Amino acid sequence: MTEPLSVPSVPPRAGTRSLLVKLALSLLVAGFFVFLLRQGALELWPGAAAFGRVDWGSVALYVLLLSAQQFVRAGRWYFLLAPVQRVPLGTVLRVAFIGFFAISIMPIRTGEVVRPLLMRREGKISGWVATGTVAAERLIDGFFLSSLLFIALLVAKPHEPLPDHIGDLPVPVALVPTAAYSAVGFFATALIVMTLFYLFRAKARRLIELTVGRVSLAFAHALSDRIGQVADGLRFLPQVRYTAPFLLGTLAYWAIAAIAWTVLARGCGLEIGYFQAMAVVGVVALGILVPNAPGFFGAFQLGCYAGLAMYLERETVLGAGSVYVFLTYALQMTIPAVMGLGALAVKPDAMRGLYDFGASPAPAENLAPSNESR
């Protein structure tokens, strides 16, 4: 039988109110980005005439590459789950597609919880452990992405000197490489900390008790339990048969993204090479990591313009670049939506009762270990 969801700890009205507050905040963020883009003469819609020079064959190829990338992105999750619980690949793909769609449309990235909660129901796995695998995926993605961005900036060096404006927006483009270099350090540190907690859990728990426990020992124990459950997402690390395909899948995921963005850039008339496109991908991806508007609206476009400004002249960025930014954003939102809706069509009741704002994931003790984890 499917494990039931936890009973909500807050009234339904409180959950609705929470959603409305998050939606209002996300719309304020979107409005702020629209204001910035308008101030910088950075077009959200370049006008119908601007699309006359687009090579639509390149657009079609971009769609195929982006679709393949989404399958790789979803499929590699299988190798994070397998050491804990063997879940059929079809289920992993379906849950992942629904989760990606939820992330793209829900405010302040609240859709992030859909994937772990849905996998808890579909895969008969603890919600906290499922959350751990997603957290591990995010950390490794961040490290891979920031590292590839770092390499791309070394191989495809930006203009010297970098412009002190993005379009007409008085934001120095030099901030982009600086943020990229900082991101490498941040994600490397976070990954190391989580790995150490996974490998030396007893010592890590003791450290938390000696520090946080001075304020509240009960909270220290609860914090240790939750961090430990999230760290279990790294359970695949010592097993090469899971680690190798996951890391190869992650590398393929970002490599395909850079190929796709290169193809679309050429189709829009932009002279951008592979490593330059990889840098633009990295800038956009880092820009949308933080909670923002539904569909990453505004942050995506600004990140894309900022990435292009490192390599192209202002007139090109504001001309053909605006077409590229629009098509990239529109297709990045459309393809996950089509895949997510397709996954929901396979199982229309998948989201029923799932997203309850007061509900919490199942405790770890509800997890029955699979043969792989015994």
Protein backbone atom coordinates (compact mmCIF):
# COMPACT_ATOMS: atom_id res chain seq x y z
CA MET A 1 0.00 0.00 0.00
CA THR A 2 1.06 3.59 -0.56
CA GLU A 3 2.34 5.19 2.63
CA PRO A 4 -0.08 7.94 3.73
CA LEU A 5 1.08 11.52 4.09
CA SER A 6 1.58 13.04 7.52
CA VAL A 7 -1.35 14.87 9.05
CA PRO A 8 -0.96 18.62 8.46
CA SER A 9 0.31 20.48 11.51
CA VAL A 10 -1.28 23.78 10.44
CA PRO A 11 -4.87 24.58 9.42
CA PRO A 12 -5.62 24.66 5.68
CA ARG A 13 -6.23 28.41 5.86
CA ALA A 14 -2.73 28.94 7.24
CA GLY A 15 -1.32 26.92 4.35
CA THR A 16 -3.28 28.97 1.81
CA ARG A 17 -2.14 32.18 3.50
CA SER A 18 1.46 31.00 3.36
CA LEU A 19 1.14 30.28 -0.36
CA LEU A 20 -0.39 33.70 -1.03
CA VAL A 21 2.43 35.43 0.89
CA LYS A 22 5.05 33.51 -1.10
CA LEU A 23 3.25 34.27 -4.34
CA ALA A 24 3.10 37.98 -3.48
CA LEU A 25 6.81 38.04 -2.62
CA SER A 26 7.70 36.24 -5.85
CA LEU A 27 5.64 38.70 -7.90
CA LEU A 28 7.43 41.59 -6.19
CA VAL A 29 10.75 39.98 -7.18
CA ALA A 30 9.51 39.61 -10.76
CA GLY A 31 8.40 43.25 -10.81
CA PHE A 32 11.81 44.35 -9.54
CA PHE A 33 13.58 42.43 -12.33
CA VAL A 34 11.21 43.83 -14.96
CA PHE A 35 12.06 47.32 -13.70
CA LEU A 36 15.80 46.57 -13.92
CA LEU A 37 15.51 45.14 -17.42
CA ARG A 38 13.50 48.12 -18.65
CA GLN A 39 15.99 50.52 -17.10
CA GLY A 40 18.78 48.73 -18.93
CA ALA A 41 16.97 48.65 -22.32
CA LEU A 42 17.09 44.86 -22.05
CA GLU A 43 14.09 43.58 -23.98
CA LEU A 44 11.79 40.86 -22.67
CA TRP A 45 10.00 40.70 -26.05
CA PRO A 46 12.19 41.87 -28.96
CA GLY A 47 9.31 42.33 -31.44
CA ALA A 48 8.07 40.09 -34.24
CA ALA A 49 10.35 41.60 -36.91
CA ALA A 50 13.45 40.57 -34.96
CA PHE A 51 12.65 36.87 -35.49
CA GLY A 52 12.95 37.14 -39.28
CA ARG A 53 16.66 36.33 -39.19
CA VAL A 54 16.31 33.24 -36.96
CA ASP A 55 17.34 29.86 -38.36
CA TRP A 56 14.41 27.73 -37.23
CA GLY A 57 16.28 24.51 -38.01
CA SER A 58 18.71 25.46 -35.24
CA VAL A 59 15.76 26.10 -32.94
CA ALA A 60 14.39 22.60 -33.67
CA LEU A 61 17.80 21.07 -32.94
CA TYR A 62 17.96 23.05 -29.71
CA VAL A 63 14.59 21.60 -28.68
CA LEU A 64 15.84 18.04 -29.33
CA LEU A 65 19.05 18.63 -27.39
CA LEU A 66 17.22 20.24 -24.48
CA SER A 67 14.77 17.34 -24.35
CA ALA A 68 17.65 14.86 -24.25
CA GLN A 69 19.26 16.93 -21.50
CA GLN A 70 16.08 16.68 -19.40
CA PHE A 71 16.07 12.89 -19.70
CA VAL A 72 19.70 12.75 -18.57
CA ARG A 73 18.96 15.16 -15.72
CA ALA A 74 16.05 13.03 -14.53
CA GLY A 75 17.59 9.61 -15.14
CA ARG A 76 20.78 10.16 -13.12
CA TRP A 77 18.63 10.48 -9.95
CA TYR A 78 18.14 6.72 -10.20
CA PHE A 79 21.77 6.21 -9.13
CA LEU A 80 21.33 8.35 -6.01
CA LEU A 81 18.23 6.45 -4.95
CA ALA A 82 19.47 2.93 -5.76
CA PRO A 83 21.84 2.51 -2.76
CA VAL A 84 18.87 3.28 -0.48
CA GLN A 85 15.91 1.86 -2.37
CA ARG A 86 15.63 0.41 -5.88
CA VAL A 87 12.97 2.46 -7.67
CA PRO A 88 12.01 1.58 -11.27
CA LEU A 89 13.59 3.95 -13.79
CA GLY A 90 10.18 4.80 -15.25
CA THR A 91 8.97 5.94 -11.83
CA VAL A 92 12.13 7.99 -11.30
CA LEU A 93 11.65 9.74 -14.66
CA ARG A 94 7.96 10.44 -14.08
CA VAL A 95 8.51 11.83 -10.58
CA ALA A 96 11.47 13.92 -11.73
CA PHE A 97 9.58 15.45 -14.67
CA ILE A 98 6.69 16.44 -12.41
CA GLY A 99 9.15 17.86 -9.89
CA PHE A 100 11.04 19.92 -12.49
CA PHE A 101 7.76 21.34 -13.75
CA ALA A 102 6.70 22.24 -10.20
CA ILE A 103 10.01 24.02 -9.54
CA SER A 104 9.59 26.14 -12.65
CA ILE A 105 6.04 27.35 -11.92
CA MET A 106 5.75 27.57 -8.11
CA PRO A 107 6.81 30.72 -6.24
CA ILE A 108 10.05 31.14 -4.26
CA ARG A 109 11.17 27.64 -5.37
CA THR A 110 8.51 26.01 -3.15
CA GLY A 111 8.21 23.37 -5.87
CA GLU A 112 11.50 21.88 -4.63
CA VAL A 113 9.60 19.77 -2.08
CA VAL A 114 7.41 18.09 -4.69
CA ARG A 115 10.05 15.67 -5.92
CA PRO A 116 10.98 14.23 -2.47
CA LEU A 117 7.35 14.04 -1.32
CA LEU A 118 6.22 12.37 -4.52
CA MET A 119 9.14 9.92 -4.42
CA ARG A 120 8.21 9.12 -0.83
CA ARG A 121 4.77 8.06 -2.05
CA GLU A 122 5.77 6.42 -5.33
CA GLY A 123 9.07 4.86 -4.26
CA LYS A 124 8.11 3.77 -0.72
CA ILE A 125 11.05 5.73 0.67
CA SER A 126 11.47 8.10 3.61
CA GLY A 127 10.76 11.71 2.72
CA TRP A 128 13.91 12.85 4.50
CA VAL A 129 16.09 10.35 2.67
CA ALA A 130 14.55 11.38 -0.66
CA THR A 131 15.26 14.99 0.31
CA GLY A 132 18.84 13.96 1.04
CA THR A 133 19.32 12.58 -2.45
CA VAL A 134 17.95 15.82 -3.96
CA ALA A 135 20.23 17.88 -1.70
CA ALA A 136 23.23 15.78 -2.76
CA GLU A 137 22.26 16.25 -6.40
CA ARG A 138 22.03 20.03 -5.89
CA LEU A 139 25.42 20.23 -4.19
CA ILE A 140 27.15 18.20 -6.87
CA ASP A 141 25.37 20.14 -9.63
CA GLY A 142 26.51 23.38 -8.05
CA PHE A 143 30.10 22.19 -7.79
CA PHE A 144 30.13 20.85 -11.37
CA LEU A 145 28.47 23.96 -12.74
CA SER A 146 30.70 26.46 -10.95
CA SER A 147 33.79 24.43 -11.89
CA LEU A 148 32.77 24.29 -15.57
CA LEU A 149 32.03 28.03 -15.48
CA PHE A 150 35.48 28.61 -14.00
CA ILE A 151 37.09 26.52 -16.77
CA ALA A 152 35.00 28.23 -19.46
CA LEU A 153 36.13 31.67 -18.28
CA LEU A 154 39.75 30.53 -18.41
CA VAL A 155 39.44 29.03 -21.91
CA ALA A 156 37.13 31.66 -23.43
CA LYS A 157 38.41 34.83 -21.81
CA PRO A 158 35.88 37.68 -21.62
CA HIS A 159 36.51 41.11 -23.16
CA GLU A 160 39.19 43.27 -21.58
CA PRO A 161 38.24 45.58 -20.09
CA LEU A 162 34.79 44.28 -19.27
CA PRO A 163 31.95 46.80 -19.76
CA ASP A 164 30.78 48.76 -16.74
CA HIS A 165 27.16 48.36 -17.91
CA ILE A 166 24.85 45.51 -18.91
CA GLY A 167 23.01 47.23 -21.74
CA ASP A 168 22.17 50.59 -20.16
CA LEU A 169 22.01 49.10 -16.67
CA PRO A 170 24.84 50.49 -14.49
CA VAL A 171 25.96 47.05 -13.28
CA PRO A 172 29.63 46.18 -13.96
CA VAL A 173 29.98 42.99 -16.00
CA ALA A 174 33.17 42.34 -13.99
CA LEU A 175 30.90 41.17 -11.16
CA VAL A 176 30.04 38.06 -13.19
CA PRO A 177 33.49 36.37 -13.15
CA THR A 178 33.94 37.38 -9.50
CA ALA A 179 30.66 35.70 -8.55
CA ALA A 180 31.65 32.61 -10.56
CA TYR A 181 34.95 32.22 -8.72
CA SER A 182 33.21 32.66 -5.36
CA ALA A 183 30.64 29.99 -6.28
CA VAL A 184 33.38 27.39 -6.81
CA GLY A 185 34.59 27.90 -3.25
CA PHE A 186 31.10 27.89 -1.77
CA PHE A 187 29.95 24.64 -3.39
CA ALA A 188 33.28 22.91 -2.80
CA THR A 189 33.07 23.79 0.90
CA ALA A 190 29.43 22.68 1.19
CA LEU A 191 30.17 19.36 -0.52
CA ILE A 192 33.17 18.72 1.72
CA VAL A 193 31.15 19.47 4.87
CA MET A 194 28.34 17.11 3.86
CA THR A 195 30.83 14.39 2.92
CA LEU A 196 32.63 14.69 6.26
CA PHE A 197 29.29 14.47 8.10
CA TYR A 198 28.45 11.34 6.13
CA LEU A 199 31.84 9.70 6.77
CA PHE A 200 32.32 10.79 10.40
CA ARG A 201 28.78 11.03 11.66
CA ALA A 202 29.47 10.20 15.31
CA LYS A 203 32.11 12.91 15.63
CA ALA A 204 29.91 15.39 13.77
CA ARG A 205 26.98 14.65 16.09
CA ARG A 206 29.25 15.14 19.08
CA LEU A 207 30.41 18.50 17.71
CA ILE A 208 26.80 19.66 17.29
CA GLU A 209 25.99 18.54 20.85
CA LEU A 210 28.97 20.52 22.19
CA THR A 211 27.94 23.66 20.34
CA VAL A 212 24.20 23.80 19.60
CA GLY A 213 23.56 21.51 22.58
CA ARG A 214 24.65 24.25 24.97
CA VAL A 215 21.45 26.08 24.00
CA SER A 216 19.15 23.06 23.60
CA LEU A 217 20.25 19.44 23.69
CA ALA A 218 16.92 18.27 22.25
CA PHE A 219 17.30 20.66 19.30
CA ALA A 220 20.91 19.53 18.81
CA HIS A 221 19.77 15.89 18.59
CA ALA A 222 16.97 16.78 16.16
CA LEU A 223 19.38 18.86 14.05
CA SER A 224 21.90 16.02 13.95
CA ASP A 225 19.19 13.58 12.89
CA ARG A 226 18.01 15.81 10.06
CA ILE A 227 21.51 16.59 8.79
CA GLY A 228 22.33 12.90 8.96
CA GLN A 229 19.25 12.00 6.95
CA VAL A 230 20.13 14.59 4.32
CA ALA A 231 23.75 13.40 4.30
CA ASP A 232 22.41 9.92 3.50
CA GLY A 233 21.89 11.30 0.01
CA LEU A 234 25.65 10.75 -0.38
CA ARG A 235 25.26 7.03 0.29
CA PHE A 236 26.16 6.33 -3.35
CA LEU A 237 29.70 7.76 -2.95
CA PRO A 238 31.58 4.60 -1.84
CA GLN A 239 29.94 2.48 -4.56
CA VAL A 240 31.57 2.97 -7.95
CA ARG A 241 28.69 1.28 -9.81
CA TYR A 242 26.46 4.17 -8.69
CA THR A 243 28.99 7.00 -8.42
CA ALA A 244 30.46 6.59 -11.91
CA PRO A 245 27.17 6.70 -13.88
CA PHE A 246 25.82 9.56 -11.76
CA LEU A 247 28.92 11.71 -12.26
CA LEU A 248 29.06 10.84 -15.97
CA GLY A 249 25.37 11.72 -16.24
CA THR A 250 25.99 15.04 -14.50
CA LEU A 251 28.87 15.86 -16.84
CA ALA A 252 26.72 14.90 -19.85
CA TYR A 253 23.83 17.01 -18.53
CA TRP A 254 25.88 20.21 -18.47
CA ALA A 255 27.84 19.39 -21.63
CA ILE A 256 24.62 18.89 -23.62
CA ALA A 257 23.31 22.19 -22.22
CA ALA A 258 26.35 24.04 -23.55
CA ILE A 259 26.01 22.36 -26.96
CA ALA A 260 22.31 23.28 -27.12
CA TRP A 261 22.96 26.91 -26.18
CA THR A 262 25.74 27.12 -28.79
CA VAL A 263 23.42 25.79 -31.50
CA LEU A 264 20.67 28.26 -30.61
CA ALA A 265 23.14 31.16 -30.45
CA ARG A 266 24.34 30.42 -33.98
CA GLY A 267 20.73 30.15 -35.10
CA CYS A 268 20.09 33.65 -33.74
CA GLY A 269 23.13 35.06 -35.51
CA LEU A 270 25.45 35.27 -32.49
CA GLU A 271 29.10 34.33 -32.93
CA ILE A 272 29.50 32.33 -29.74
CA GLY A 273 31.70 29.27 -29.29
CA TYR A 274 31.17 26.25 -27.06
CA PHE A 275 33.04 27.53 -24.01
CA GLN A 276 31.45 30.95 -24.31
CA ALA A 277 28.03 29.30 -24.34
CA MET A 278 29.06 27.22 -21.32
CA ALA A 279 29.93 30.42 -19.49
CA VAL A 280 26.52 31.91 -20.32
CA VAL A 281 24.80 28.71 -19.11
CA GLY A 282 26.77 28.90 -15.88
CA VAL A 283 25.91 32.54 -15.25
CA VAL A 284 22.19 31.91 -15.81
CA ALA A 285 22.14 28.76 -13.66
CA LEU A 286 23.88 30.47 -10.75
CA GLY A 287 21.54 33.44 -11.09
CA ILE A 288 18.39 31.33 -10.66
CA LEU A 289 19.64 29.23 -7.73
CA VAL A 290 18.20 31.62 -5.15
CA PRO A 291 14.44 31.78 -4.51
CA ASN A 292 12.82 34.08 -7.04
CA ALA A 293 9.75 34.61 -9.21
CA PRO A 294 7.75 31.74 -10.75
CA GLY A 295 9.51 30.50 -13.86
CA PHE A 296 12.70 32.28 -12.71
CA PHE A 297 11.23 35.25 -14.58
CA GLY A 298 13.54 38.23 -14.70
CA ALA A 299 16.53 36.56 -13.04
CA PHE A 300 16.91 34.22 -16.03
CA GLN A 301 16.84 37.03 -18.58
CA LEU A 302 19.20 39.28 -16.62
CA GLY A 303 21.67 36.42 -16.15
CA CYS A 304 21.56 35.63 -19.86
CA TYR A 305 22.17 39.25 -20.84
CA ALA A 306 25.03 39.46 -18.31
CA GLY A 307 26.65 36.34 -19.76
CA LEU A 308 26.39 37.64 -23.33
CA ALA A 309 27.82 41.02 -22.28
CA MET A 310 31.11 39.30 -21.37
CA TYR A 311 31.71 38.39 -25.02
CA LEU A 312 29.61 40.54 -27.35
CA GLU A 313 29.36 44.23 -28.14
CA ARG A 314 26.52 46.21 -26.60
CA GLU A 315 24.66 46.61 -29.93
CA THR A 316 24.76 42.86 -30.56
CA VAL A 317 23.60 42.05 -27.02
CA LEU A 318 20.63 44.42 -27.34
CA GLY A 319 19.86 43.28 -30.92
CA ALA A 320 20.26 39.61 -31.83
CA GLY A 321 21.01 38.89 -28.18
CA SER A 322 17.47 39.87 -27.18
CA VAL A 323 16.05 37.26 -29.58
CA TYR A 324 18.40 34.65 -28.12
CA VAL A 325 17.40 35.53 -24.55
CA PHE A 326 13.69 35.33 -25.40
CA LEU A 327 13.90 31.98 -27.23
CA THR A 328 16.17 30.44 -24.63
CA TYR A 329 13.83 31.41 -21.81
CA ALA A 330 10.62 30.46 -23.63
CA LEU A 331 11.90 27.00 -24.58
CA GLN A 332 13.55 26.39 -21.19
CA MET A 333 10.12 26.88 -19.62
CA THR A 334 8.08 25.10 -22.30
CA ILE A 335 9.97 21.80 -22.54
CA PRO A 336 9.87 20.95 -18.78
CA ALA A 337 6.20 21.96 -18.79
CA VAL A 338 5.40 19.58 -21.66
CA MET A 339 7.32 16.75 -19.98
CA GLY A 340 5.75 17.44 -16.58
CA LEU A 341 2.23 17.56 -17.99
CA GLY A 342 2.95 14.39 -19.95
CA ALA A 343 4.04 12.66 -16.75
CA LEU A 344 0.89 13.86 -15.00
CA ALA A 345 -1.21 12.54 -17.91
CA VAL A 346 0.25 9.07 -17.25
CA LYS A 347 -0.87 9.28 -13.63
CA PRO A 348 -3.40 12.13 -13.25
CA ASP A 349 -3.82 11.72 -9.47
CA ALA A 350 -0.07 11.97 -8.74
CA MET A 351 -0.33 15.37 -7.07
CA ARG A 352 -3.60 14.74 -5.26
CA GLY A 353 -3.17 15.57 -1.56
CA LEU A 354 0.59 15.74 -2.02
CA TYR A 355 1.42 19.40 -1.58
CA ASP A 356 0.07 20.10 1.87
CA PHE A 357 1.75 23.15 3.33
CA GLY A 358 1.61 21.88 6.87
CA ALA A 359 2.74 18.37 6.09
CA SER A 360 6.25 17.16 6.73
CA PRO A 361 8.12 14.28 5.15
CA ALA A 362 7.99 10.90 6.76
CA PRO A 363 10.52 10.20 9.53
CA ALA A 364 13.57 8.19 8.55
CA GLU A 365 12.56 5.24 10.71
CA ASN A 366 9.69 4.57 8.30
CA LEU A 367 12.20 3.53 5.68
CA ALA A 368 12.54 -0.19 5.14
CA PRO A 369 16.11 -0.75 3.91
CA SER A 370 16.49 -2.34 0.54
CA ASN A 371 18.82 -5.21 -0.13
CA GLU A 372 21.33 -2.69 -1.46
CA SER A 373 21.58 -0.84 1.84
CA ARG A 374 21.70 -3.77 4.21
